PDB file of N, CA and C in Angstrom:
ATOM      1  N   MET A   1      28.702  -7.881   4.402  1.00  0.00           N
ATOM      2  CA  MET A   1      29.394  -6.798   5.073  1.00  0.00           C
ATOM      3  C   MET A   1      30.879  -7.119   5.076  1.00  0.00           C
ATOM      4  N   GLU A   2      31.692  -6.129   4.778  1.00  0.00           N
ATOM      5  CA  GLU A   2      33.136  -6.306   4.779  1.00  0.00           C
ATOM      6  C   GLU A   2      33.694  -6.038   6.165  1.00  0.00           C
ATOM      7  N   GLY A   3      34.881  -6.578   6.412  1.00  0.00           N
ATOM      8  CA  GLY A   3      35.562  -6.302   7.670  1.00  0.00           C
ATOM      9  C   GLY A   3      35.525  -7.483   8.607  1.00  0.00           C
ATOM     10  N   LYS A   4      36.265  -7.344   9.696  1.00  0.00           N
ATOM     11  CA  LYS A   4      36.319  -8.394  10.708  1.00  0.00           C
ATOM     12  C   LYS A   4      35.226  -8.156  11.731  1.00  0.00           C
ATOM     13  N   TYR A   5      34.486  -9.174  12.013  1.00  0.00           N
ATOM     14  CA  TYR A   5      33.455  -9.065  13.033  1.00  0.00           C
ATOM     15  C   TYR A   5      33.096 -10.451  13.530  1.00  0.00           C
ATOM     16  N   ARG A   6      32.609 -10.504  14.734  1.00  0.00           N
ATOM     17  CA  ARG A   6      32.126 -11.752  15.322  1.00  0.00           C
ATOM     18  C   ARG A   6      30.675 -11.559  15.714  1.00  0.00           C
ATOM     19  N   THR A   7      29.895 -12.585  15.514  1.00  0.00           N
ATOM     20  CA  THR A   7      28.489 -12.519  15.909  1.00  0.00           C
ATOM     21  C   THR A   7      28.104 -13.691  16.795  1.00  0.00           C
ATOM     22  N   ASP A   8      29.091 -14.473  17.232  1.00  0.00           N
ATOM     23  CA  ASP A   8      28.753 -15.633  18.053  1.00  0.00           C
ATOM     24  C   ASP A   8      28.229 -15.189  19.416  1.00  0.00           C
ATOM     25  N   ASP A   9      27.405 -16.037  20.003  1.00  0.00           N
ATOM     26  CA  ASP A   9      26.740 -15.704  21.264  1.00  0.00           C
ATOM     27  C   ASP A   9      27.724 -15.434  22.394  1.00  0.00           C
ATOM     28  N   ALA A  10      28.828 -16.176  22.466  1.00  0.00           N
ATOM     29  CA  ALA A  10      29.806 -15.979  23.543  1.00  0.00           C
ATOM     30  C   ALA A  10      30.436 -14.593  23.458  1.00  0.00           C
ATOM     31  N   PHE A  11      30.751 -14.144  22.246  1.00  0.00           N
ATOM     32  CA  PHE A  11      31.323 -12.810  22.065  1.00  0.00           C
ATOM     33  C   PHE A  11      30.323 -11.743  22.498  1.00  0.00           C
ATOM     34  N   ILE A  12      29.101 -11.845  22.029  1.00  0.00           N
ATOM     35  CA  ILE A  12      28.070 -10.867  22.381  1.00  0.00           C
ATOM     36  C   ILE A  12      27.804 -10.887  23.882  1.00  0.00           C
ATOM     37  N   GLU A  13      27.721 -12.062  24.463  1.00  0.00           N
ATOM     38  CA  GLU A  13      27.447 -12.191  25.899  1.00  0.00           C
ATOM     39  C   GLU A  13      28.525 -11.517  26.743  1.00  0.00           C
ATOM     40  N   SER A  14      29.753 -11.460  26.250  1.00  0.00           N
ATOM     41  CA  SER A  14      30.849 -10.856  27.018  1.00  0.00           C
ATOM     42  C   SER A  14      30.611  -9.376  27.310  1.00  0.00           C
ATOM     43  N   PHE A  15      29.743  -8.726  26.560  1.00  0.00           N
ATOM     44  CA  PHE A  15      29.435  -7.312  26.778  1.00  0.00           C
ATOM     45  C   PHE A  15      28.256  -7.102  27.729  1.00  0.00           C
ATOM     46  N   PHE A  16      27.588  -8.160  28.124  1.00  0.00           N
ATOM     47  CA  PHE A  16      26.380  -8.034  28.936  1.00  0.00           C
ATOM     48  C   PHE A  16      26.559  -8.632  30.325  1.00  0.00           C
ATOM     49  N   GLN A  17      27.734  -8.465  30.900  1.00  0.00           N
ATOM     50  CA  GLN A  17      28.012  -8.995  32.231  1.00  0.00           C
ATOM     51  C   GLN A  17      27.388  -8.147  33.336  1.00  0.00           C
ATOM     52  N   LYS A  18      27.071  -6.875  33.040  1.00  0.00           N
ATOM     53  CA  LYS A  18      26.560  -5.966  34.070  1.00  0.00           C
ATOM     54  C   LYS A  18      25.078  -5.644  33.908  1.00  0.00           C
ATOM     55  N   GLY A  19      24.435  -6.202  32.903  1.00  0.00           N
ATOM     56  CA  GLY A  19      23.017  -5.913  32.706  1.00  0.00           C
ATOM     57  C   GLY A  19      22.551  -6.347  31.337  1.00  0.00           C
ATOM     58  N   ASP A  20      21.273  -6.101  31.079  1.00  0.00           N
ATOM     59  CA  ASP A  20      20.670  -6.536  29.822  1.00  0.00           C
ATOM     60  C   ASP A  20      20.708  -5.483  28.725  1.00  0.00           C
ATOM     61  N   LEU A  21      21.075  -4.242  29.076  1.00  0.00           N
ATOM     62  CA  LEU A  21      21.163  -3.175  28.083  1.00  0.00           C
ATOM     63  C   LEU A  21      22.564  -2.579  28.088  1.00  0.00           C
ATOM     64  N   LEU A  22      23.067  -2.304  26.903  1.00  0.00           N
ATOM     65  CA  LEU A  22      24.414  -1.789  26.711  1.00  0.00           C
ATOM     66  C   LEU A  22      24.325  -0.405  26.079  1.00  0.00           C
ATOM     67  N   PRO A  23      24.861   0.648  26.740  1.00  0.00           N
ATOM     68  CA  PRO A  23      24.852   1.968  26.116  1.00  0.00           C
ATOM     69  C   PRO A  23      25.723   1.967  24.861  1.00  0.00           C
ATOM     70  N   ALA A  24      25.227   2.603  23.816  1.00  0.00           N
ATOM     71  CA  ALA A  24      25.970   2.724  22.562  1.00  0.00           C
ATOM     72  C   ALA A  24      26.021   4.197  22.172  1.00  0.00           C
ATOM     73  N   ILE A  25      27.220   4.749  22.194  1.00  0.00           N
ATOM     74  CA  ILE A  25      27.441   6.133  21.776  1.00  0.00           C
ATOM     75  C   ILE A  25      27.676   6.102  20.272  1.00  0.00           C
ATOM     76  N   VAL A  26      26.888   6.857  19.528  1.00  0.00           N
ATOM     77  CA  VAL A  26      27.010   6.866  18.071  1.00  0.00           C
ATOM     78  C   VAL A  26      27.715   8.154  17.658  1.00  0.00           C
ATOM     79  N   GLN A  27      28.804   7.989  16.905  1.00  0.00           N
ATOM     80  CA  GLN A  27      29.662   9.104  16.517  1.00  0.00           C
ATOM     81  C   GLN A  27      29.814   9.115  14.996  1.00  0.00           C
ATOM     82  N   GLU A  28      29.747  10.305  14.409  1.00  0.00           N
ATOM     83  CA  GLU A  28      29.945  10.431  12.965  1.00  0.00           C
ATOM     84  C   GLU A  28      31.424  10.299  12.652  1.00  0.00           C
ATOM     85  N   VAL A  29      31.754   9.415  11.743  1.00  0.00           N
ATOM     86  CA  VAL A  29      33.152   9.079  11.498  1.00  0.00           C
ATOM     87  C   VAL A  29      33.948  10.244  10.903  1.00  0.00           C
ATOM     88  N   GLY A  30      33.384  11.038  10.020  1.00  0.00           N
ATOM     89  CA  GLY A  30      34.137  12.111   9.377  1.00  0.00           C
ATOM     90  C   GLY A  30      34.419  13.304  10.264  1.00  0.00           C
ATOM     91  N   THR A  31      33.499  13.595  11.183  1.00  0.00           N
ATOM     92  CA  THR A  31      33.611  14.798  12.014  1.00  0.00           C
ATOM     93  C   THR A  31      33.904  14.497  13.479  1.00  0.00           C
ATOM     94  N   ASN A  32      33.740  13.250  13.889  1.00  0.00           N
ATOM     95  CA  ASN A  32      33.834  12.828  15.297  1.00  0.00           C
ATOM     96  C   ASN A  32      32.736  13.431  16.168  1.00  0.00           C
ATOM     97  N   GLU A  33      31.702  14.001  15.553  1.00  0.00           N
ATOM     98  CA  GLU A  33      30.584  14.553  16.315  1.00  0.00           C
ATOM     99  C   GLU A  33      29.772  13.411  16.930  1.00  0.00           C
ATOM    100  N   VAL A  34      29.433  13.561  18.211  1.00  0.00           N
ATOM    101  CA  VAL A  34      28.562  12.585  18.857  1.00  0.00           C
ATOM    102  C   VAL A  34      27.138  12.860  18.378  1.00  0.00           C
ATOM    103  N   LEU A  35      26.523  11.846  17.806  1.00  0.00           N
ATOM    104  CA  LEU A  35      25.194  12.011  17.225  1.00  0.00           C
ATOM    105  C   LEU A  35      24.079  11.644  18.187  1.00  0.00           C
ATOM    106  N   MET A  36      24.282  10.582  18.949  1.00  0.00           N
ATOM    107  CA  MET A  36      23.207  10.111  19.821  1.00  0.00           C
ATOM    108  C   MET A  36      23.733   9.067  20.792  1.00  0.00           C
ATOM    109  N   LEU A  37      22.937   8.783  21.783  1.00  0.00           N
ATOM    110  CA  LEU A  37      23.167   7.680  22.707  1.00  0.00           C
ATOM    111  C   LEU A  37      21.917   6.820  22.659  1.00  0.00           C
ATOM    112  N   ALA A  38      22.114   5.535  22.470  1.00  0.00           N
ATOM    113  CA  ALA A  38      20.991   4.597  22.466  1.00  0.00           C
ATOM    114  C   ALA A  38      21.444   3.335  23.186  1.00  0.00           C
ATOM    115  N   TYR A  39      20.559   2.381  23.295  1.00  0.00           N
ATOM    116  CA  TYR A  39      20.866   1.148  24.027  1.00  0.00           C
ATOM    117  C   TYR A  39      20.694  -0.061  23.125  1.00  0.00           C
ATOM    118  N   MET A  40      21.561  -1.031  23.329  1.00  0.00           N
ATOM    119  CA  MET A  40      21.465  -2.303  22.618  1.00  0.00           C
ATOM    120  C   MET A  40      21.220  -3.414  23.621  1.00  0.00           C
ATOM    121  N   ASN A  41      20.380  -4.355  23.211  1.00  0.00           N
ATOM    122  CA  ASN A  41      20.291  -5.611  23.944  1.00  0.00           C
ATOM    123  C   ASN A  41      21.042  -6.651  23.111  1.00  0.00           C
ATOM    124  N   ARG A  42      21.037  -7.884  23.538  1.00  0.00           N
ATOM    125  CA  ARG A  42      21.798  -8.918  22.830  1.00  0.00           C
ATOM    126  C   ARG A  42      21.352  -9.050  21.370  1.00  0.00           C
ATOM    127  N   GLU A  43      20.037  -9.050  21.165  1.00  0.00           N
ATOM    128  CA  GLU A  43      19.505  -9.237  19.816  1.00  0.00           C
ATOM    129  C   GLU A  43      19.849  -8.071  18.896  1.00  0.00           C
ATOM    130  N   SER A  44      19.732  -6.847  19.394  1.00  0.00           N
ATOM    131  CA  SER A  44      20.044  -5.697  18.540  1.00  0.00           C
ATOM    132  C   SER A  44      21.539  -5.616  18.254  1.00  0.00           C
ATOM    133  N   MET A  45      22.377  -6.019  19.217  1.00  0.00           N
ATOM    134  CA  MET A  45      23.818  -6.040  18.955  1.00  0.00           C
ATOM    135  C   MET A  45      24.136  -7.066  17.869  1.00  0.00           C
ATOM    136  N   LYS A  46      23.514  -8.215  17.941  1.00  0.00           N
ATOM    137  CA  LYS A  46      23.737  -9.258  16.931  1.00  0.00           C
ATOM    138  C   LYS A  46      23.298  -8.767  15.549  1.00  0.00           C
ATOM    139  N   LYS A  47      22.119  -8.136  15.461  1.00  0.00           N
ATOM    140  CA  LYS A  47      21.633  -7.616  14.179  1.00  0.00           C
ATOM    141  C   LYS A  47      22.559  -6.519  13.650  1.00  0.00           C
ATOM    142  N   THR A  48      23.064  -5.676  14.550  1.00  0.00           N
ATOM    143  CA  THR A  48      23.996  -4.628  14.160  1.00  0.00           C
ATOM    144  C   THR A  48      25.251  -5.238  13.543  1.00  0.00           C
ATOM    145  N   LEU A  49      25.815  -6.234  14.214  1.00  0.00           N
ATOM    146  CA  LEU A  49      27.035  -6.870  13.720  1.00  0.00           C
ATOM    147  C   LEU A  49      26.792  -7.623  12.413  1.00  0.00           C
ATOM    148  N   GLU A  50      25.632  -8.211  12.265  1.00  0.00           N
ATOM    149  CA  GLU A  50      25.325  -8.991  11.062  1.00  0.00           C
ATOM    150  C   GLU A  50      25.011  -8.121   9.847  1.00  0.00           C
ATOM    151  N   THR A  51      24.349  -6.976  10.069  1.00  0.00           N
ATOM    152  CA  THR A  51      23.882  -6.164   8.940  1.00  0.00           C
ATOM    153  C   THR A  51      24.806  -5.015   8.573  1.00  0.00           C
ATOM    154  N   GLY A  52      25.606  -4.533   9.540  1.00  0.00           N
ATOM    155  CA  GLY A  52      26.453  -3.376   9.275  1.00  0.00           C
ATOM    156  C   GLY A  52      25.721  -2.052   9.406  1.00  0.00           C
ATOM    157  N   TYR A  53      24.504  -2.093   9.934  1.00  0.00           N
ATOM    158  CA  TYR A  53      23.713  -0.894  10.209  1.00  0.00           C
ATOM    159  C   TYR A  53      23.238  -0.957  11.655  1.00  0.00           C
ATOM    160  N   THR A  54      22.982   0.209  12.256  1.00  0.00           N
ATOM    161  CA  THR A  54      22.639   0.230  13.674  1.00  0.00           C
ATOM    162  C   THR A  54      21.234  -0.296  13.938  1.00  0.00           C
ATOM    163  N   TRP A  55      21.161  -1.116  14.968  1.00  0.00           N
ATOM    164  CA  TRP A  55      19.918  -1.619  15.545  1.00  0.00           C
ATOM    165  C   TRP A  55      19.990  -1.353  17.036  1.00  0.00           C
ATOM    166  N   PHE A  56      18.901  -0.887  17.614  1.00  0.00           N
ATOM    167  CA  PHE A  56      18.873  -0.566  19.031  1.00  0.00           C
ATOM    168  C   PHE A  56      17.653  -1.198  19.678  1.00  0.00           C
ATOM    169  N   TYR A  57      17.639  -1.116  20.997  1.00  0.00           N
ATOM    170  CA  TYR A  57      16.475  -1.551  21.761  1.00  0.00           C
ATOM    171  C   TYR A  57      15.824  -0.312  22.345  1.00  0.00           C
ATOM    172  N   SER A  58      14.567  -0.098  22.033  1.00  0.00           N
ATOM    173  CA  SER A  58      13.821   1.042  22.554  1.00  0.00           C
ATOM    174  C   SER A  58      13.318   0.715  23.954  1.00  0.00           C
ATOM    175  N   ARG A  59      13.778   1.472  24.933  1.00  0.00           N
ATOM    176  CA  ARG A  59      13.330   1.251  26.309  1.00  0.00           C
ATOM    177  C   ARG A  59      11.878   1.661  26.485  1.00  0.00           C
ATOM    178  N   SER A  60      11.427   2.676  25.763  1.00  0.00           N
ATOM    179  CA  SER A  60      10.038   3.127  25.916  1.00  0.00           C
ATOM    180  C   SER A  60       9.057   2.192  25.205  1.00  0.00           C
ATOM    181  N   ARG A  61       9.410   1.744  24.009  1.00  0.00           N
ATOM    182  CA  ARG A  61       8.517   0.855  23.255  1.00  0.00           C
ATOM    183  C   ARG A  61       8.785  -0.622  23.537  1.00  0.00           C
ATOM    184  N   GLN A  62       9.912  -0.896  24.169  1.00  0.00           N
ATOM    185  CA  GLN A  62      10.335  -2.266  24.487  1.00  0.00           C
ATOM    186  C   GLN A  62      10.348  -3.148  23.242  1.00  0.00           C
ATOM    187  N   GLU A  63      11.029  -2.631  22.213  1.00  0.00           N
ATOM    188  CA  GLU A  63      11.175  -3.385  20.973  1.00  0.00           C
ATOM    189  C   GLU A  63      12.441  -2.949  20.246  1.00  0.00           C
ATOM    190  N   LEU A  64      12.870  -3.774  19.303  1.00  0.00           N
ATOM    191  CA  LEU A  64      14.028  -3.436  18.482  1.00  0.00           C
ATOM    192  C   LEU A  64      13.646  -2.387  17.461  1.00  0.00           C
ATOM    193  N   TRP A  65      14.617  -1.540  17.099  1.00  0.00           N
ATOM    194  CA  TRP A  65      14.400  -0.612  15.999  1.00  0.00           C
ATOM    195  C   TRP A  65      15.690  -0.430  15.224  1.00  0.00           C
ATOM    196  N   ASN A  66      15.531  -0.405  13.922  1.00  0.00           N
ATOM    197  CA  ASN A  66      16.635  -0.186  12.993  1.00  0.00           C
ATOM    198  C   ASN A  66      16.669   1.309  12.705  1.00  0.00           C
ATOM    199  N   LYS A  67      17.687   1.985  13.219  1.00  0.00           N
ATOM    200  CA  LYS A  67      17.768   3.442  13.095  1.00  0.00           C
ATOM    201  C   LYS A  67      17.715   3.854  11.624  1.00  0.00           C
ATOM    202  N   GLY A  68      16.739   4.656  11.294  1.00  0.00           N
ATOM    203  CA  GLY A  68      16.601   5.187   9.948  1.00  0.00           C
ATOM    204  C   GLY A  68      15.809   4.325   8.990  1.00  0.00           C
ATOM    205  N   ALA A  69      15.312   3.184   9.425  1.00  0.00           N
ATOM    206  CA  ALA A  69      14.567   2.293   8.527  1.00  0.00           C
ATOM    207  C   ALA A  69      13.308   2.963   7.986  1.00  0.00           C
ATOM    208  N   THR A  70      12.650   3.766   8.802  1.00  0.00           N
ATOM    209  CA  THR A  70      11.431   4.451   8.375  1.00  0.00           C
ATOM    210  C   THR A  70      11.748   5.764   7.664  1.00  0.00           C
ATOM    211  N   SER A  71      12.664   6.546   8.222  1.00  0.00           N
ATOM    212  CA  SER A  71      12.976   7.879   7.700  1.00  0.00           C
ATOM    213  C   SER A  71      13.964   7.866   6.543  1.00  0.00           C
ATOM    214  N   GLY A  72      14.730   6.790   6.419  1.00  0.00           N
ATOM    215  CA  GLY A  72      15.805   6.753   5.428  1.00  0.00           C
ATOM    216  C   GLY A  72      17.113   7.314   5.952  1.00  0.00           C
ATOM    217  N   HIS A  73      17.127   7.753   7.203  1.00  0.00           N
ATOM    218  CA  HIS A  73      18.322   8.337   7.817  1.00  0.00           C
ATOM    219  C   HIS A  73      19.158   7.240   8.475  1.00  0.00           C
ATOM    220  N   LEU A  74      19.667   6.358   7.642  1.00  0.00           N
ATOM    221  CA  LEU A  74      20.394   5.179   8.114  1.00  0.00           C
ATOM    222  C   LEU A  74      21.772   5.516   8.661  1.00  0.00           C
ATOM    223  N   GLN A  75      22.258   4.633   9.500  1.00  0.00           N
ATOM    224  CA  GLN A  75      23.601   4.752  10.069  1.00  0.00           C
ATOM    225  C   GLN A  75      24.401   3.531   9.632  1.00  0.00           C
ATOM    226  N   LYS A  76      25.291   3.735   8.658  1.00  0.00           N
ATOM    227  CA  LYS A  76      26.158   2.666   8.166  1.00  0.00           C
ATOM    228  C   LYS A  76      27.378   2.583   9.077  1.00  0.00           C
ATOM    229  N   ILE A  77      27.613   1.413   9.622  1.00  0.00           N
ATOM    230  CA  ILE A  77      28.701   1.255  10.586  1.00  0.00           C
ATOM    231  C   ILE A  77      30.048   1.209   9.881  1.00  0.00           C
ATOM    232  N   ILE A  78      30.975   1.994  10.406  1.00  0.00           N
ATOM    233  CA  ILE A  78      32.364   1.978   9.947  1.00  0.00           C
ATOM    234  C   ILE A  78      33.213   1.185  10.924  1.00  0.00           C
ATOM    235  N   SER A  79      32.991   1.405  12.224  1.00  0.00           N
ATOM    236  CA  SER A  79      33.718   0.632  13.243  1.00  0.00           C
ATOM    237  C   SER A  79      32.935   0.648  14.547  1.00  0.00           C
ATOM    238  N   ILE A  80      33.227  -0.341  15.372  1.00  0.00           N
ATOM    239  CA  ILE A  80      32.645  -0.419  16.711  1.00  0.00           C
ATOM    240  C   ILE A  80      33.783  -0.700  17.678  1.00  0.00           C
ATOM    241  N   HIS A  81      33.829   0.077  18.756  1.00  0.00           N
ATOM    242  CA  HIS A  81      34.852  -0.095  19.789  1.00  0.00           C
ATOM    243  C   HIS A  81      34.167  -0.327  21.124  1.00  0.00           C
ATOM    244  N   GLY A  82      34.692  -1.263  21.895  1.00  0.00           N
ATOM    245  CA  GLY A  82      34.240  -1.461  23.267  1.00  0.00           C
ATOM    246  C   GLY A  82      35.127  -0.668  24.204  1.00  0.00           C
ATOM    247  N   ASP A  83      34.573  -0.165  25.298  1.00  0.00           N
ATOM    248  CA  ASP A  83      35.392   0.570  26.261  1.00  0.00           C
ATOM    249  C   ASP A  83      36.203  -0.407  27.110  1.00  0.00           C
ATOM    250  N   CYS A  84      37.003   0.149  28.022  1.00  0.00           N
ATOM    251  CA  CYS A  84      37.939  -0.650  28.820  1.00  0.00           C
ATOM    252  C   CYS A  84      37.243  -1.669  29.714  1.00  0.00           C
ATOM    253  N   ASP A  85      35.990  -1.442  30.072  1.00  0.00           N
ATOM    254  CA  ASP A  85      35.242  -2.366  30.926  1.00  0.00           C
ATOM    255  C   ASP A  85      34.284  -3.260  30.137  1.00  0.00           C
ATOM    256  N   SER A  86      34.261  -3.112  28.835  1.00  0.00           N
ATOM    257  CA  SER A  86      33.342  -3.856  27.961  1.00  0.00           C
ATOM    258  C   SER A  86      31.883  -3.678  28.370  1.00  0.00           C
ATOM    259  N   ASP A  87      31.539  -2.435  28.806  1.00  0.00           N
ATOM    260  CA  ASP A  87      30.139  -2.190  29.156  1.00  0.00           C
ATOM    261  C   ASP A  87      29.551  -0.968  28.455  1.00  0.00           C
ATOM    262  N   THR A  88      30.265  -0.451  27.453  1.00  0.00           N
ATOM    263  CA  THR A  88      29.775   0.642  26.618  1.00  0.00           C
ATOM    264  C   THR A  88      30.398   0.488  25.236  1.00  0.00           C
ATOM    265  N   LEU A  89      29.632   0.815  24.212  1.00  0.00           N
ATOM    266  CA  LEU A  89      30.148   0.759  22.848  1.00  0.00           C
ATOM    267  C   LEU A  89      30.253   2.158  22.264  1.00  0.00           C
ATOM    268  N   LEU A  90      31.266   2.358  21.438  1.00  0.00           N
ATOM    269  CA  LEU A  90      31.388   3.545  20.596  1.00  0.00           C
ATOM    270  C   LEU A  90      31.195   3.050  19.168  1.00  0.00           C
ATOM    271  N   VAL A  91      30.125   3.512  18.543  1.00  0.00           N
ATOM    272  CA  VAL A  91      29.774   3.059  17.198  1.00  0.00           C
ATOM    273  C   VAL A  91      30.027   4.217  16.241  1.00  0.00           C
ATOM    274  N   GLN A  92      31.005   4.058  15.364  1.00  0.00           N
ATOM    275  CA  GLN A  92      31.316   5.103  14.394  1.00  0.00           C
ATOM    276  C   GLN A  92      30.581   4.791  13.097  1.00  0.00           C
ATOM    277  N   VAL A  93      29.861   5.792  12.602  1.00  0.00           N
ATOM    278  CA  VAL A  93      28.958   5.577  11.467  1.00  0.00           C
ATOM    279  C   VAL A  93      29.125   6.641  10.391  1.00  0.00           C
ATOM    280  N   GLU A  94      28.671   6.294   9.198  1.00  0.00           N
ATOM    281  CA  GLU A  94      28.374   7.276   8.160  1.00  0.00           C
ATOM    282  C   GLU A  94      26.884   7.545   8.287  1.00  0.00           C
ATOM    283  N   GLN A  95      26.544   8.763   8.640  1.00  0.00           N
ATOM    284  CA  GLN A  95      25.151   9.133   8.881  1.00  0.00           C
ATOM    285  C   GLN A  95      24.517   9.659   7.600  1.00  0.00           C
ATOM    286  N   THR A  96      23.347   9.155   7.262  1.00  0.00           N
ATOM    287  CA  THR A  96      22.556   9.685   6.158  1.00  0.00           C
ATOM    288  C   THR A  96      21.468  10.560   6.757  1.00  0.00           C
ATOM    289  N   GLY A  97      21.492  11.865   6.450  1.00  0.00           N
ATOM    290  CA  GLY A  97      20.487  12.771   6.992  1.00  0.00           C
ATOM    291  C   GLY A  97      20.687  13.005   8.476  1.00  0.00           C
ATOM    292  N   PRO A  98      19.688  13.592   9.135  1.00  0.00           N
ATOM    293  CA  PRO A  98      19.805  13.867  10.566  1.00  0.00           C
ATOM    294  C   PRO A  98      19.727  12.587  11.396  1.00  0.00           C
ATOM    295  N   ALA A  99      20.429  12.594  12.523  1.00  0.00           N
ATOM    296  CA  ALA A  99      20.389  11.448  13.439  1.00  0.00           C
ATOM    297  C   ALA A  99      19.248  11.579  14.443  1.00  0.00           C
ATOM    298  N   CYS A 100      18.877  12.800  14.773  1.00  0.00           N
ATOM    299  CA  CYS A 100      17.879  13.031  15.818  1.00  0.00           C
ATOM    300  C   CYS A 100      16.459  13.014  15.252  1.00  0.00           C
ATOM    301  N   HIS A 101      15.533  12.477  16.026  1.00  0.00           N
ATOM    302  CA  HIS A 101      14.128  12.435  15.601  1.00  0.00           C
ATOM    303  C   HIS A 101      13.519  13.829  15.472  1.00  0.00           C
ATOM    304  N   THR A 102      14.186  14.867  16.046  1.00  0.00           N
ATOM    305  CA  THR A 102      13.695  16.243  15.928  1.00  0.00           C
ATOM    306  C   THR A 102      14.047  16.860  14.584  1.00  0.00           C
ATOM    307  N   GLY A 103      14.922  16.194  13.828  1.00  0.00           N
ATOM    308  CA  GLY A 103      15.404  16.739  12.566  1.00  0.00           C
ATOM    309  C   GLY A 103      16.779  17.368  12.690  1.00  0.00           C
ATOM    310  N   ALA A 104      17.293  17.479  13.914  1.00  0.00           N
ATOM    311  CA  ALA A 104      18.649  17.999  14.122  1.00  0.00           C
ATOM    312  C   ALA A 104      19.666  16.928  13.730  1.00  0.00           C
ATOM    313  N   HIS A 105      20.830  17.380  13.292  1.00  0.00           N
ATOM    314  CA  HIS A 105      21.862  16.425  12.883  1.00  0.00           C
ATOM    315  C   HIS A 105      22.297  15.553  14.053  1.00  0.00           C
ATOM    316  N   SER A 106      22.462  16.165  15.219  1.00  0.00           N
ATOM    317  CA  SER A 106      22.852  15.451  16.434  1.00  0.00           C
ATOM    318  C   SER A 106      21.763  15.629  17.486  1.00  0.00           C
ATOM    319  N   CYS A 107      21.617  14.650  18.343  1.00  0.00           N
ATOM    320  CA  CYS A 107      20.670  14.770  19.454  1.00  0.00           C
ATOM    321  C   CYS A 107      21.191  15.698  20.550  1.00  0.00           C
ATOM    322  N   PHE A 108      22.460  16.076  20.477  1.00  0.00           N
ATOM    323  CA  PHE A 108      23.074  16.891  21.523  1.00  0.00           C
ATOM    324  C   PHE A 108      23.160  18.353  21.094  1.00  0.00           C
ATOM    325  N   PHE A 109      22.010  18.980  20.909  1.00  0.00           N
ATOM    326  CA  PHE A 109      21.966  20.385  20.498  1.00  0.00           C
ATOM    327  C   PHE A 109      21.525  21.315  21.624  1.00  0.00           C
ATOM    328  N   ASN A 110      21.154  20.788  22.772  1.00  0.00           N
ATOM    329  CA  ASN A 110      20.720  21.609  23.907  1.00  0.00           C
ATOM    330  C   ASN A 110      21.901  21.900  24.825  1.00  0.00           C
ATOM    331  N   GLU A 111      22.553  23.039  24.595  1.00  0.00           N
ATOM    332  CA  GLU A 111      23.692  23.391  25.449  1.00  0.00           C
ATOM    333  C   GLU A 111      23.192  23.738  26.853  1.00  0.00           C
ATOM    334  N   ILE A 112      23.779  23.120  27.847  1.00  0.00           N
ATOM    335  CA  ILE A 112      23.378  23.319  29.237  1.00  0.00           C
ATOM    336  C   ILE A 112      24.336  24.247  29.964  1.00  0.00           C
ATOM    337  N   TRP A 113      25.606  24.150  29.642  1.00  0.00           N
ATOM    338  CA  TRP A 113      26.601  24.947  30.359  1.00  0.00           C
ATOM    339  C   TRP A 113      27.833  25.098  29.489  1.00  0.00           C
ATOM    340  N   ARG A 114      28.489  26.261  29.571  1.00  0.00           N
ATOM    341  CA  ARG A 114      29.749  26.499  28.861  1.00  0.00           C
ATOM    342  C   ARG A 114      30.609  27.414  29.727  1.00  0.00           C
ATOM    343  N   ARG A 115      31.868  27.074  29.835  1.00  0.00           N
ATOM    344  CA  ARG A 115      32.815  27.883  30.612  1.00  0.00           C
ATOM    345  C   ARG A 115      33.097  29.193  29.887  1.00  0.00           C
ATOM    346  N   ASP A 116      32.996  30.297  30.609  1.00  0.00           N
ATOM    347  CA  ASP A 116      33.383  31.597  30.064  1.00  0.00           C
ATOM    348  C   ASP A 116      34.894  31.708  30.137  1.00  0.00           C
ATOM    349  N   GLU A 117      35.489  32.085  29.055  1.00  0.00           N
ATOM    350  CA  GLU A 117      36.963  32.224  29.024  1.00  0.00           C
ATOM    351  C   GLU A 117      37.355  33.665  29.184  1.00  0.00           C
TER     352      GLU A 117
END
């Protein structure tokens, strides 16, 4: 994988001061569209940094999953940013195919409210 990255345990641990799961907002790099929200644990963050593709921790299945490994809808990482408190990640990706398990490009297709102008 090209680019600057750290995978040492001390660096990864610095993001887990408030809990064992770290929210990761996944955004498409070309459009800035938010594709999904998932969670990383220490192991999935390490695999993400090492491979250059997204790995998450499934809270329902309680296991690691490589996004798109089964479907082919992989998320190639372009950049990762930590927020000001180092307790949330913004993961910018090149998305192959839909990001959502429903087949939608983004998981955020259910509009709940919109201001009338």
